Amino acid sequence: QVQLVESGGGLVQAGGSLRLSCAASGRTFSSYAMGWFRQAPGKEREFVAAIGDSTWYADSVKGRFTISRDNAKNTVYLQMNSLKPEDTATYYCNTISKGVPYWGQGIQVTVSS
């Protein structure tokens, strides 16, 4: 069973930075791609970033967010800079194992204007 636990969210002013962490357990971490998604109130969950053999970003965060991983710590990070009020959402860590998607519990990020 894969478990994902996010941390690092909170309230920040526009233009500020936050770093989210996602600690994974339950399988060999380094072999799998990891991703971040977010969901704002009243909106569908959307892709933010992913890391595997390469990195991928949504256009809305490209140049501001950076995804990285530390395989020794089984942790993936999302460094968020130049935050905007429209980045306000619940952020979820994600991976797929044996065809099954796994999600963390989500963590709130609120950006005030």
Protein backbone atom coordinates (compact mmCIF):
# COMPACT_ATOMS: atom_id res chain seq x y z
CA GLN A 1 0.00 0.00 0.00
CA VAL A 2 1.39 3.35 -1.06
CA GLN A 3 0.99 6.25 1.35
CA LEU A 4 1.60 9.90 0.52
CA VAL A 5 1.72 12.64 3.15
CA GLU A 6 1.95 16.30 2.17
CA SER A 7 3.30 19.12 4.32
CA GLY A 8 4.44 22.72 4.00
CA GLY A 9 1.28 24.54 3.00
CA GLY A 10 -0.05 27.71 4.56
CA LEU A 11 -0.91 31.35 4.03
CA VAL A 12 1.43 33.62 2.09
CA GLN A 13 1.19 37.05 0.48
CA ALA A 14 1.25 37.44 -3.28
CA GLY A 15 4.82 37.35 -4.54
CA GLY A 16 5.92 35.08 -1.72
CA SER A 17 7.19 31.51 -1.71
CA LEU A 18 6.29 28.17 -0.20
CA ARG A 19 7.79 24.71 -0.46
CA LEU A 20 5.53 21.69 -0.34
CA SER A 21 6.83 18.26 0.58
CA CYS A 22 5.34 14.84 -0.08
CA ALA A 23 6.72 11.89 1.86
CA ALA A 24 6.05 8.52 0.23
CA SER A 25 6.09 5.06 1.73
CA GLY A 26 5.06 1.57 0.75
CA ARG A 27 7.18 0.89 -2.31
CA THR A 28 10.46 1.62 -4.08
CA PHE A 29 10.18 5.37 -4.43
CA SER A 30 12.85 6.07 -7.03
CA SER A 31 11.29 3.86 -9.70
CA TYR A 32 8.11 5.86 -10.15
CA ALA A 33 7.04 9.22 -11.42
CA MET A 34 5.51 11.59 -8.89
CA GLY A 35 3.23 14.52 -9.45
CA TRP A 36 1.43 17.47 -7.91
CA PHE A 37 -2.13 18.47 -8.66
CA ARG A 38 -4.33 21.19 -7.19
CA GLN A 39 -8.00 21.90 -6.77
CA ALA A 40 -9.50 25.32 -6.13
CA PRO A 41 -13.02 25.72 -4.69
CA GLY A 42 -15.63 25.09 -7.36
CA LYS A 43 -13.06 23.93 -9.90
CA GLU A 44 -11.81 20.58 -11.13
CA ARG A 45 -8.52 19.12 -9.98
CA GLU A 46 -5.75 20.16 -12.35
CA PHE A 47 -2.22 19.06 -13.10
CA VAL A 48 0.59 21.22 -11.71
CA ALA A 49 3.89 19.38 -12.17
CA ALA A 50 5.43 15.92 -12.44
CA ILE A 51 8.85 14.35 -12.20
CA GLY A 52 10.11 11.09 -13.62
CA ASP A 53 12.89 10.78 -16.18
CA SER A 54 12.15 14.43 -16.87
CA THR A 55 9.99 17.19 -15.42
CA TRP A 56 6.72 18.59 -16.70
CA TYR A 57 4.80 21.70 -15.72
CA ALA A 58 1.44 23.26 -16.36
CA ASP A 59 1.75 26.44 -18.38
CA SER A 60 0.26 28.42 -15.51
CA VAL A 61 3.18 27.59 -13.18
CA LYS A 62 6.07 27.26 -15.62
CA GLY A 63 8.97 29.46 -14.58
CA ARG A 64 7.60 29.93 -11.06
CA PHE A 65 7.33 26.40 -9.64
CA THR A 66 10.04 23.74 -9.48
CA ILE A 67 9.48 20.05 -8.76
CA SER A 68 12.32 17.97 -7.37
CA ARG A 69 12.85 14.73 -5.47
CA ASP A 70 15.18 13.24 -2.89
CA ASN A 71 15.14 9.48 -3.38
CA ALA A 72 17.13 8.89 -0.19
CA LYS A 73 14.30 10.54 1.77
CA ASN A 74 11.46 9.17 -0.40
CA THR A 75 10.26 12.74 -0.75
CA VAL A 76 9.15 14.93 -3.63
CA TYR A 77 9.09 18.71 -3.33
CA LEU A 78 7.29 21.57 -5.01
CA GLN A 79 9.06 24.90 -4.67
CA MET A 80 6.56 27.64 -5.41
CA ASN A 81 7.86 31.16 -6.06
CA SER A 82 6.17 34.37 -7.16
CA LEU A 83 2.88 33.06 -5.85
CA LYS A 84 -0.34 34.60 -7.12
CA PRO A 85 -3.83 34.64 -5.58
CA GLU A 86 -4.94 32.29 -8.36
CA ASP A 87 -2.52 29.67 -6.99
CA THR A 88 -4.81 29.34 -3.96
CA ALA A 89 -5.97 25.73 -3.82
CA THR A 90 -5.65 22.42 -2.07
CA TYR A 91 -2.52 20.73 -3.39
CA TYR A 92 -2.32 16.97 -3.76
CA CYS A 93 0.63 14.65 -4.22
CA ASN A 94 0.07 11.82 -6.68
CA THR A 95 1.66 8.66 -8.01
CA ILE A 96 0.59 5.54 -9.84
CA SER A 97 1.58 2.07 -8.72
CA LYS A 98 0.62 -1.04 -10.71
CA GLY A 99 -1.97 0.99 -12.56
CA VAL A 100 -3.60 2.31 -9.39
CA PRO A 101 -3.50 6.07 -8.66
CA TYR A 102 -2.67 7.15 -5.14
CA TRP A 103 -3.31 10.56 -3.60
CA GLY A 104 -2.20 12.31 -0.48
CA GLN A 105 -4.73 13.88 1.84
CA GLY A 106 -4.13 17.33 0.35
CA ILE A 107 -2.71 20.50 1.85
CA GLN A 108 -4.06 24.02 1.67
CA VAL A 109 -2.15 26.85 0.05
CA THR A 110 -3.69 30.31 0.35
CA VAL A 111 -2.19 33.33 -1.39
CA SER A 112 -3.49 36.70 -0.27
CA SER A 113 -3.48 39.74 -2.52
